[in-house]
């Protein structure tokens, strides 16, 4: 059985000083898994039915990781631009 999860998030970075949007971007994640089992469970046991282990849960994790990566890249870029302005 093949299961695919896909998640997209629209994110905005808001300045805590002004309350204004200072940036926005889209983050996304995708996860596909294949299993020989049907994914069925009996009395909540088996089948890996927890959200975190599901394709959608894994896609959500990938989208959040992508969001953190983008925020970090943006911050590093802004810090680099500021330091170049101070020395140049």
N, C-alpha and C. Protein backbone atom coordinates (compact mmCIF):
# COMPACT_ATOMS: atom_id res chain seq x y z
N UNK A 1 0.85 -1.17 0.00
CA UNK A 1 0.00 0.00 0.00
C UNK A 1 0.90 1.24 0.00
N UNK A 2 0.61 2.14 -0.91
CA UNK A 2 1.38 3.39 -1.02
C UNK A 2 0.56 4.53 -0.43
N UNK A 3 1.18 5.32 0.44
CA UNK A 3 0.53 6.48 1.05
C UNK A 3 1.41 7.70 0.84
N UNK A 4 0.76 8.78 0.46
CA UNK A 4 1.47 10.04 0.21
C UNK A 4 0.81 11.15 1.00
N UNK A 5 1.63 11.97 1.62
CA UNK A 5 1.14 13.15 2.33
C UNK A 5 1.83 14.38 1.78
N UNK A 6 1.09 15.46 1.64
CA UNK A 6 1.65 16.71 1.15
C UNK A 6 1.06 17.86 1.97
N UNK A 7 1.93 18.76 2.44
CA UNK A 7 1.51 19.88 3.28
C UNK A 7 2.17 21.15 2.75
N UNK A 8 1.41 22.23 2.71
CA UNK A 8 1.96 23.55 2.37
C UNK A 8 1.49 24.54 3.42
N UNK A 9 2.36 25.48 3.77
CA UNK A 9 2.04 26.49 4.77
C UNK A 9 2.43 27.87 4.24
N UNK A 10 1.54 28.84 4.42
CA UNK A 10 1.85 30.23 4.13
C UNK A 10 2.26 30.86 5.46
N UNK A 11 3.48 31.36 5.52
CA UNK A 11 4.00 31.90 6.77
C UNK A 11 4.34 33.38 6.62
N UNK A 12 4.16 34.10 7.72
CA UNK A 12 4.51 35.52 7.75
C UNK A 12 5.40 35.78 8.95
N UNK A 13 6.42 36.58 8.74
CA UNK A 13 7.30 37.00 9.82
C UNK A 13 6.85 38.40 10.22
N UNK A 14 6.52 38.56 11.50
CA UNK A 14 5.98 39.83 11.99
C UNK A 14 6.95 40.44 12.98
N UNK A 15 7.23 41.73 12.82
CA UNK A 15 8.11 42.44 13.73
C UNK A 15 7.40 42.61 15.07
N UNK A 16 8.03 42.18 16.16
CA UNK A 16 7.40 42.37 17.47
C UNK A 16 7.38 43.85 17.88
N UNK A 17 8.25 44.67 17.30
CA UNK A 17 8.30 46.09 17.65
C UNK A 17 7.16 46.87 17.01
N UNK A 18 6.87 46.57 15.73
CA UNK A 18 5.89 47.36 15.00
C UNK A 18 4.59 46.62 14.71
N UNK A 19 4.63 45.30 14.79
CA UNK A 19 3.45 44.50 14.44
C UNK A 19 3.25 44.39 12.94
N UNK A 20 4.19 44.87 12.18
CA UNK A 20 4.10 44.82 10.72
C UNK A 20 4.72 43.54 10.17
N UNK A 21 4.20 43.11 9.03
CA UNK A 21 4.76 41.95 8.35
C UNK A 21 6.07 42.37 7.69
N UNK A 22 7.14 41.69 8.05
CA UNK A 22 8.45 42.01 7.48
C UNK A 22 8.91 40.97 6.47
N UNK A 23 8.17 39.90 6.34
CA UNK A 23 8.50 38.87 5.36
C UNK A 23 7.41 37.82 5.30
N UNK A 24 7.36 37.15 4.18
CA UNK A 24 6.41 36.04 4.04
C UNK A 24 6.97 35.04 3.05
N UNK A 25 6.60 33.80 3.21
CA UNK A 25 7.05 32.75 2.31
C UNK A 25 6.15 31.53 2.44
N UNK A 26 6.31 30.63 1.50
CA UNK A 26 5.56 29.38 1.50
C UNK A 26 6.53 28.26 1.83
N UNK A 27 6.11 27.40 2.72
CA UNK A 27 6.89 26.24 3.11
C UNK A 27 6.09 25.00 2.71
N UNK A 28 6.78 23.96 2.29
CA UNK A 28 6.05 22.76 1.91
C UNK A 28 6.84 21.51 2.27
N UNK A 29 6.12 20.41 2.38
CA UNK A 29 6.73 19.13 2.67
C UNK A 29 5.93 18.01 2.04
N UNK A 30 6.62 16.95 1.69
CA UNK A 30 5.97 15.80 1.06
C UNK A 30 6.61 14.54 1.60
N UNK A 31 5.80 13.52 1.77
CA UNK A 31 6.30 12.25 2.26
C UNK A 31 5.52 11.12 1.61
N UNK A 32 6.22 10.11 1.16
CA UNK A 32 5.59 8.94 0.57
C UNK A 32 6.15 7.70 1.23
N UNK A 33 5.27 6.77 1.56
CA UNK A 33 5.72 5.51 2.13
C UNK A 33 5.00 4.36 1.46
N UNK A 34 5.67 3.24 1.47
CA UNK A 34 5.06 2.02 0.94
C UNK A 34 5.12 0.96 2.02
N UNK A 35 4.05 0.21 2.12
CA UNK A 35 3.97 -0.81 3.15
C UNK A 35 3.28 -2.04 2.58
N UNK A 36 3.72 -3.18 3.04
CA UNK A 36 3.08 -4.43 2.62
C UNK A 36 1.83 -4.70 3.43
N UNK A 37 1.64 -3.96 4.53
CA UNK A 37 0.46 -4.17 5.37
C UNK A 37 -0.67 -3.26 4.93
N UNK A 38 -1.85 -3.55 5.40
CA UNK A 38 -3.03 -2.77 5.03
C UNK A 38 -3.17 -1.51 5.86
N UNK A 39 -2.41 -1.38 6.96
CA UNK A 39 -2.52 -0.23 7.84
C UNK A 39 -3.68 -0.36 8.82
N UNK A 40 -4.29 -1.52 8.89
CA UNK A 40 -5.40 -1.74 9.80
C UNK A 40 -4.88 -1.99 11.21
N UNK A 41 -5.71 -1.66 12.18
CA UNK A 41 -5.32 -1.92 13.57
C UNK A 41 -6.49 -2.56 14.29
N UNK A 42 -6.16 -3.23 15.35
CA UNK A 42 -7.17 -3.90 16.16
C UNK A 42 -7.09 -3.33 17.57
N UNK A 43 -8.15 -2.68 18.02
CA UNK A 43 -8.21 -2.06 19.35
C UNK A 43 -7.09 -1.04 19.55
N UNK A 44 -6.76 -0.31 18.47
CA UNK A 44 -5.75 0.74 18.56
C UNK A 44 -4.32 0.24 18.58
N UNK A 45 -4.11 -1.05 18.37
CA UNK A 45 -2.77 -1.62 18.40
C UNK A 45 -2.41 -2.06 16.98
N UNK A 46 -1.23 -1.67 16.55
CA UNK A 46 -0.78 -2.07 15.22
C UNK A 46 -1.20 -1.08 14.16
N UNK A 47 -0.66 -1.24 13.00
CA UNK A 47 -1.03 -0.39 11.88
C UNK A 47 -0.38 0.98 11.90
N UNK A 48 0.32 1.34 12.96
CA UNK A 48 0.99 2.64 13.01
C UNK A 48 0.04 3.79 12.77
N UNK A 49 -1.07 3.84 13.49
CA UNK A 49 -2.09 4.83 13.20
C UNK A 49 -1.84 6.20 13.84
N UNK A 50 -0.77 6.38 14.57
CA UNK A 50 -0.47 7.68 15.19
C UNK A 50 -0.18 8.71 14.11
N UNK A 51 -0.66 9.95 14.32
CA UNK A 51 -0.48 11.01 13.32
C UNK A 51 0.99 11.23 12.98
N UNK A 52 1.85 11.25 13.98
CA UNK A 52 3.26 11.54 13.74
C UNK A 52 3.91 10.51 12.82
N UNK A 53 3.42 9.29 12.84
CA UNK A 53 3.99 8.23 11.99
C UNK A 53 3.31 8.17 10.63
N UNK A 54 2.22 8.91 10.45
CA UNK A 54 1.49 8.86 9.19
C UNK A 54 2.21 9.66 8.11
N UNK A 55 1.83 9.44 6.87
CA UNK A 55 2.41 10.20 5.77
C UNK A 55 2.14 11.69 5.93
N UNK A 56 0.93 12.03 6.36
CA UNK A 56 0.59 13.44 6.58
C UNK A 56 1.41 14.03 7.74
N UNK A 57 1.59 13.25 8.79
CA UNK A 57 2.41 13.70 9.92
C UNK A 57 3.86 13.92 9.51
N UNK A 58 4.40 13.01 8.71
CA UNK A 58 5.77 13.15 8.23
C UNK A 58 5.91 14.32 7.26
N UNK A 59 4.89 14.54 6.43
CA UNK A 59 4.91 15.69 5.52
C UNK A 59 4.84 16.99 6.30
N UNK A 60 4.07 17.02 7.39
CA UNK A 60 4.00 18.20 8.26
C UNK A 60 5.36 18.49 8.87
N UNK A 61 6.03 17.45 9.30
CA UNK A 61 7.37 17.61 9.87
C UNK A 61 8.33 18.17 8.82
N UNK A 62 8.25 17.66 7.62
CA UNK A 62 9.11 18.15 6.54
C UNK A 62 8.81 19.62 6.23
N UNK A 63 7.54 20.00 6.24
CA UNK A 63 7.16 21.40 5.97
C UNK A 63 7.67 22.31 7.08
N UNK A 64 7.57 21.87 8.33
CA UNK A 64 8.08 22.68 9.44
C UNK A 64 9.60 22.82 9.37
N UNK A 65 10.28 21.73 9.02
CA UNK A 65 11.74 21.80 8.87
C UNK A 65 12.11 22.79 7.76
N UNK A 66 11.35 22.77 6.66
CA UNK A 66 11.58 23.70 5.57
C UNK A 66 11.35 25.14 6.04
N UNK A 67 10.31 25.37 6.83
CA UNK A 67 10.02 26.71 7.35
C UNK A 67 11.16 27.21 8.22
N UNK A 68 11.65 26.39 9.12
CA UNK A 68 12.75 26.79 10.00
C UNK A 68 13.99 27.09 9.17
N UNK A 69 14.26 26.27 8.18
CA UNK A 69 15.41 26.48 7.30
C UNK A 69 15.29 27.83 6.59
N UNK A 70 14.10 28.15 6.08
CA UNK A 70 13.91 29.42 5.38
C UNK A 70 14.05 30.62 6.32
N UNK A 71 13.49 30.54 7.51
CA UNK A 71 13.61 31.63 8.48
C UNK A 71 15.08 31.84 8.85
N UNK A 72 15.80 30.74 9.09
CA UNK A 72 17.20 30.83 9.45
C UNK A 72 18.02 31.43 8.32
N UNK A 73 17.76 31.02 7.10
CA UNK A 73 18.47 31.56 5.94
C UNK A 73 18.20 33.05 5.80
N UNK A 74 16.96 33.44 6.00
CA UNK A 74 16.58 34.86 5.90
C UNK A 74 17.29 35.68 6.97
N UNK A 75 17.32 35.15 8.20
CA UNK A 75 17.98 35.88 9.30
C UNK A 75 19.48 36.01 9.05
N UNK A 76 20.11 34.92 8.59
CA UNK A 76 21.54 34.98 8.31
C UNK A 76 21.83 35.99 7.21
N UNK A 77 20.98 36.04 6.20
CA UNK A 77 21.14 36.99 5.10
C UNK A 77 21.00 38.42 5.61
N UNK A 78 20.00 38.67 6.44
CA UNK A 78 19.79 40.02 6.99
C UNK A 78 20.96 40.44 7.87
N UNK A 79 21.46 39.52 8.70
CA UNK A 79 22.60 39.83 9.56
C UNK A 79 23.84 40.12 8.73
N UNK A 80 24.03 39.38 7.64
CA UNK A 80 25.16 39.59 6.76
C UNK A 80 25.06 40.95 6.08
N UNK A 81 23.85 41.31 5.62
CA UNK A 81 23.64 42.61 4.98
C UNK A 81 23.93 43.74 5.96
N UNK A 82 23.50 43.59 7.21
CA UNK A 82 23.75 44.62 8.22
C UNK A 82 25.23 44.79 8.50
N UNK A 83 25.95 43.67 8.65
CA UNK A 83 27.37 43.77 8.98
C UNK A 83 28.16 44.34 7.81
N UNK A 84 27.75 44.07 6.57
CA UNK A 84 28.42 44.66 5.42
C UNK A 84 28.19 46.16 5.38
N UNK A 85 27.00 46.60 5.75
CA UNK A 85 26.69 48.03 5.78
C UNK A 85 27.47 48.76 6.84
N UNK A 86 27.78 48.10 7.94
CA UNK A 86 28.51 48.73 9.03
C UNK A 86 29.99 48.85 8.69
N UNK A 87 30.53 47.88 7.94
CA UNK A 87 31.97 47.91 7.65
C UNK A 87 32.27 48.54 6.30
N UNK A 88 31.27 48.67 5.44
CA UNK A 88 31.56 49.13 4.09
C UNK A 88 31.13 50.47 3.82
